[in-house]
Amino acid sequence: MKKQLLIIVTLSFLLALAACGKSSANSFSDNLISASIADSVTEVKITHILGGTESQWTVDSDELETLKNWFLGLNCSMVQFEAGNSPGDESGGEVYSFNMADIDHAGFSYVINGPDRCYLLMDGNWYSVSNPSDPPVTEPQWEKLTIEKVKELAKKGDALSWSDFEPYRHTDIGSGLYIYFYEIDEDYCLVIGGGDQQAAPMYIRLVLKPYDHEFLDDKAYIEIRTENVDDFINSQNS
């Protein structure tokens, strides 16, 4: 979980949560509280990690307001841990992160290591939560992308868009660009990339699955809009 936390500590929701730190010696200032960005927030991206499975989705409107109120109701106090013994170093557990684009604030994660062992990680500092509860969010019921579904989608050719893949579970592995990673099976994954989700994807690749997302470009792949999925799979099995 430590490696995952290093990736997901990117929540820009910090100002709206400033009240959480008031019970600690290193509390957020009243100026930060009064400068809350709550009115300007229209959308929050959620990342949820549990049992090695990562899910991402977005909330807005009423659900977003409920989420903000939940955060502001948390009672927190700063705690310190020796190196290697923080809540993020424990195996297992559950993590929520919340991200807002174009907001320049420190990161935040909500870590659940047990019913009475919940923590906030903000700007590198740990806070113990004395009144823990699960975030009031509902995770979508994702479909699993399969090879057969990829074959059907590939028939759309250049008409394929980001929205065609919205029902399927994915992980955002991009930095600066939108890059979505879809698990298929033990042999294959699908990767979609681009700079604007209102435009056609730059690429939609069926990839011979690597051991790590970082090595996607080193593996064999095809562009499913212009190349044949069956031919690619047969070539890997021959």
Protein backbone atom coordinates (compact mmCIF):
# COMPACT_ATOMS: atom_id res chain seq x y z
CA MET A 1 0.00 0.00 0.00
CA LYS A 2 2.96 2.37 0.55
CA LYS A 3 3.71 2.43 -3.18
CA GLN A 4 0.07 3.07 -3.97
CA LEU A 5 -0.10 5.98 -1.53
CA LEU A 6 2.89 7.63 -3.19
CA ILE A 7 0.92 7.57 -6.43
CA ILE A 8 -2.46 8.70 -5.17
CA VAL A 9 -1.68 11.46 -2.64
CA THR A 10 -3.00 14.13 -5.01
CA LEU A 11 -6.23 15.44 -3.49
CA SER A 12 -6.81 19.10 -4.09
CA PHE A 13 -9.65 19.22 -1.61
CA LEU A 14 -7.44 20.42 1.25
CA LEU A 15 -8.86 23.87 1.85
CA ALA A 16 -12.37 22.57 2.28
CA LEU A 17 -10.98 20.15 4.86
CA ALA A 18 -8.98 22.70 6.84
CA ALA A 19 -11.15 22.32 9.92
CA CYS A 20 -9.84 18.78 10.31
CA GLY A 21 -6.47 20.00 11.44
CA LYS A 22 -7.61 22.48 14.09
CA SER A 23 -7.14 20.04 16.97
CA SER A 24 -3.48 19.42 16.12
CA ALA A 25 -0.40 21.42 17.03
CA ASN A 26 0.19 22.03 13.36
CA SER A 27 -3.37 23.05 12.50
CA PHE A 28 -4.41 24.88 9.37
CA SER A 29 -4.80 28.63 9.81
CA ASP A 30 -8.10 30.49 9.95
CA ASN A 31 -7.07 32.19 6.73
CA LEU A 32 -7.05 28.83 4.93
CA ILE A 33 -10.45 27.97 6.35
CA SER A 34 -11.94 31.26 5.21
CA ALA A 35 -10.35 30.76 1.78
CA SER A 36 -12.26 27.51 1.26
CA ILE A 37 -12.65 26.62 -2.41
CA ALA A 38 -15.94 24.84 -1.77
CA ASP A 39 -17.95 27.24 -3.94
CA SER A 40 -15.61 26.80 -6.91
CA VAL A 41 -15.51 23.00 -6.82
CA THR A 42 -17.78 21.39 -9.38
CA GLU A 43 -16.24 17.93 -9.76
CA VAL A 44 -14.01 15.60 -7.75
CA LYS A 45 -12.26 12.51 -9.06
CA ILE A 46 -12.20 9.61 -6.59
CA THR A 47 -9.67 6.79 -6.51
CA HIS A 48 -10.52 3.80 -4.29
CA ILE A 49 -8.03 1.01 -3.58
CA LEU A 50 -9.10 -2.16 -1.79
CA GLY A 51 -7.58 -5.64 -1.93
CA GLY A 52 -5.22 -4.67 -4.74
CA THR A 53 -8.11 -3.46 -6.93
CA GLU A 54 -8.20 0.19 -7.96
CA SER A 55 -11.35 1.99 -9.12
CA GLN A 56 -11.81 5.57 -10.29
CA TRP A 57 -14.90 7.67 -10.84
CA THR A 58 -16.12 11.26 -10.57
CA VAL A 59 -18.73 12.90 -8.33
CA ASP A 60 -20.47 16.26 -8.65
CA SER A 61 -23.56 18.23 -7.55
CA ASP A 62 -25.42 16.79 -4.52
CA GLU A 63 -23.03 13.89 -3.94
CA LEU A 64 -20.11 16.30 -3.94
CA GLU A 65 -21.79 18.52 -1.33
CA THR A 66 -22.43 15.49 0.90
CA LEU A 67 -18.78 14.50 0.55
CA LYS A 68 -17.54 17.96 1.56
CA ASN A 69 -19.78 18.02 4.63
CA TRP A 70 -18.47 14.60 5.66
CA PHE A 71 -14.88 15.81 5.48
CA LEU A 72 -15.61 18.93 7.49
CA GLY A 73 -17.19 16.78 10.21
CA LEU A 74 -14.07 14.66 10.78
CA ASN A 75 -12.20 15.23 14.06
CA CYS A 76 -8.46 14.93 13.52
CA SER A 77 -5.22 15.28 15.45
CA MET A 78 -1.68 15.07 14.11
CA VAL A 79 0.28 11.91 14.86
CA GLN A 80 3.88 10.99 14.09
CA PHE A 81 5.31 7.62 13.15
CA GLU A 82 8.80 6.22 12.86
CA ALA A 83 10.03 5.65 9.33
CA GLY A 84 8.56 2.44 7.94
CA ASN A 85 5.80 2.26 10.56
CA SER A 86 3.22 4.69 9.20
CA PRO A 87 -0.35 3.61 8.32
CA GLY A 88 0.72 3.63 4.69
CA ASP A 89 3.39 1.03 5.37
CA GLU A 90 0.89 -1.57 6.55
CA SER A 91 -0.19 -4.33 4.21
CA GLY A 92 -3.83 -4.55 3.25
CA GLY A 93 -6.11 -1.74 4.27
CA GLU A 94 -8.26 0.53 2.18
CA VAL A 95 -7.50 3.93 0.65
CA TYR A 96 -9.60 6.72 -0.81
CA SER A 97 -8.07 9.69 -2.62
CA PHE A 98 -9.86 12.70 -4.06
CA ASN A 99 -8.52 14.91 -6.81
CA MET A 100 -9.62 18.17 -8.41
CA ALA A 101 -7.89 19.29 -11.60
CA ASP A 102 -6.26 22.71 -11.90
CA ILE A 103 -6.12 23.30 -8.13
CA ASP A 104 -2.65 23.84 -6.66
CA HIS A 105 -2.83 22.36 -3.16
CA ALA A 106 -1.16 19.56 -1.24
CA GLY A 107 -2.45 16.02 -1.45
CA PHE A 108 -4.86 14.12 0.75
CA SER A 109 -5.75 10.49 1.32
CA TYR A 110 -8.17 8.77 3.71
CA VAL A 111 -6.67 5.49 4.91
CA ILE A 112 -8.70 2.77 6.64
CA ASN A 113 -6.63 0.13 8.45
CA GLY A 114 -9.42 -1.00 10.77
CA PRO A 115 -12.73 0.20 12.28
CA ASP A 116 -10.95 2.48 14.77
CA ARG A 117 -7.71 3.00 12.85
CA CYS A 118 -8.45 5.61 10.20
CA TYR A 119 -6.10 8.37 9.12
CA LEU A 120 -5.78 11.39 6.87
CA LEU A 121 -2.54 11.94 4.97
CA MET A 122 -2.19 15.60 4.02
CA ASP A 123 0.93 17.34 2.74
CA GLY A 124 3.12 14.56 4.12
CA ASN A 125 1.55 14.71 7.61
CA TRP A 126 -0.54 11.99 9.24
CA TYR A 127 -3.71 12.79 11.21
CA SER A 128 -5.62 10.30 13.35
CA VAL A 129 -9.40 10.45 12.92
CA SER A 130 -11.30 10.08 16.21
CA ASN A 131 -14.75 9.78 14.62
CA PRO A 132 -14.06 7.57 11.57
CA SER A 133 -16.68 6.65 9.01
CA ASP A 134 -16.65 5.59 5.38
CA PRO A 135 -16.79 8.37 2.81
CA PRO A 136 -20.42 8.83 1.63
CA VAL A 137 -19.74 7.82 -1.95
CA THR A 138 -21.20 5.10 -4.16
CA GLU A 139 -18.81 3.25 -6.41
CA PRO A 140 -20.23 2.54 -9.88
CA GLN A 141 -20.93 -1.05 -10.85
CA TRP A 142 -18.22 -1.53 -13.43
CA GLU A 143 -18.27 -4.10 -16.20
CA LYS A 144 -15.13 -6.10 -16.93
CA LEU A 145 -13.63 -5.58 -20.35
CA THR A 146 -13.11 -8.89 -22.17
CA ILE A 147 -11.46 -9.88 -25.44
CA GLU A 148 -14.89 -10.56 -26.95
CA LYS A 149 -16.06 -7.07 -26.03
CA VAL A 150 -12.87 -5.61 -27.50
CA LYS A 151 -13.60 -7.42 -30.77
CA GLU A 152 -17.11 -5.96 -30.86
CA LEU A 153 -15.89 -2.46 -30.07
CA ALA A 154 -13.15 -2.70 -32.70
CA LYS A 155 -15.84 -3.05 -35.38
CA LYS A 156 -16.69 0.63 -34.87
CA GLY A 157 -13.26 1.58 -36.22
CA ASP A 158 -12.57 5.31 -36.25
CA ALA A 159 -15.98 5.97 -34.69
CA LEU A 160 -14.72 4.62 -31.33
CA SER A 161 -14.68 7.25 -28.59
CA TRP A 162 -13.85 7.57 -24.90
CA SER A 163 -17.51 7.11 -24.03
CA ASP A 164 -17.53 3.60 -25.52
CA PHE A 165 -15.26 2.50 -22.68
CA GLU A 166 -16.96 4.33 -19.79
CA PRO A 167 -18.79 1.21 -18.48
CA TYR A 168 -15.54 -0.71 -17.92
CA ARG A 169 -13.26 -0.75 -14.89
CA HIS A 170 -10.00 1.07 -15.55
CA THR A 171 -7.02 2.79 -13.95
CA ASP A 172 -5.80 6.25 -14.94
CA ILE A 173 -2.04 5.91 -15.42
CA GLY A 174 -1.51 9.19 -17.24
CA SER A 175 0.49 12.21 -16.16
CA GLY A 176 -0.50 15.29 -18.12
CA LEU A 177 -2.37 13.19 -20.68
CA TYR A 178 -5.38 10.93 -20.21
CA ILE A 179 -4.13 7.34 -20.30
CA TYR A 180 -6.58 4.65 -19.18
CA PHE A 181 -5.46 1.08 -18.47
CA TYR A 182 -8.03 -1.74 -18.73
CA GLU A 183 -7.32 -5.22 -17.39
CA ILE A 184 -8.63 -7.94 -19.71
CA ASP A 185 -7.07 -11.26 -18.73
CA GLU A 186 -3.71 -12.74 -17.79
CA ASP A 187 -2.38 -12.14 -21.29
CA TYR A 188 -3.85 -8.85 -22.52
CA CYS A 189 -4.80 -5.35 -21.48
CA LEU A 190 -6.20 -2.34 -23.33
CA VAL A 191 -4.75 1.18 -23.17
CA ILE A 192 -6.45 4.36 -24.37
CA GLY A 193 -4.60 7.67 -24.52
CA GLY A 194 -5.19 11.26 -25.52
CA GLY A 195 -5.07 14.88 -24.45
CA ASP A 196 -8.77 15.74 -24.66
CA GLN A 197 -11.67 13.44 -23.89
CA GLN A 198 -13.94 15.54 -26.07
CA ALA A 199 -11.81 14.57 -29.07
CA ALA A 200 -11.08 11.14 -30.52
CA PRO A 201 -8.44 9.15 -28.57
CA MET A 202 -4.90 9.41 -29.90
CA TYR A 203 -4.63 5.63 -29.63
CA ILE A 204 -6.63 2.60 -28.51
CA ARG A 205 -4.22 -0.30 -28.12
CA LEU A 206 -4.68 -3.95 -27.33
CA VAL A 207 -1.41 -4.79 -25.58
CA LEU A 208 0.32 -8.05 -24.72
CA LYS A 209 0.19 -7.53 -20.97
CA PRO A 210 3.41 -6.41 -19.23
CA TYR A 211 4.31 -6.95 -15.62
CA ASP A 212 4.14 -3.22 -14.89
CA HIS A 213 2.28 -0.25 -16.40
CA GLU A 214 5.62 1.51 -16.90
CA PHE A 215 6.69 -0.97 -19.55
CA LEU A 216 3.61 -0.83 -21.75
CA ASP A 217 5.54 0.60 -24.70
CA ASP A 218 7.95 -2.34 -24.65
CA LYS A 219 5.28 -4.94 -25.38
CA ALA A 220 3.60 -5.99 -28.62
CA TYR A 221 0.35 -4.17 -29.37
CA ILE A 222 -2.09 -3.22 -32.12
CA GLU A 223 -4.31 -0.21 -32.75
CA ILE A 224 -7.75 -1.84 -32.61
CA ARG A 225 -9.40 0.79 -34.84
CA THR A 226 -7.25 -0.14 -37.83
CA GLU A 227 -5.79 -3.60 -37.10
CA ASN A 228 -7.40 -7.00 -36.68
CA VAL A 229 -7.76 -8.29 -33.13
CA ASP A 230 -8.00 -11.98 -34.09
CA ASP A 231 -4.89 -11.78 -36.27
CA PHE A 232 -2.95 -10.18 -33.41
CA ILE A 233 -3.99 -12.83 -30.88
CA ASN A 234 -3.24 -15.66 -33.31
CA SER A 235 0.22 -14.23 -33.98
CA GLN A 236 0.99 -14.29 -30.25
CA ASN A 237 -0.14 -17.90 -29.94
CA SER A 238 1.78 -19.21 -32.94
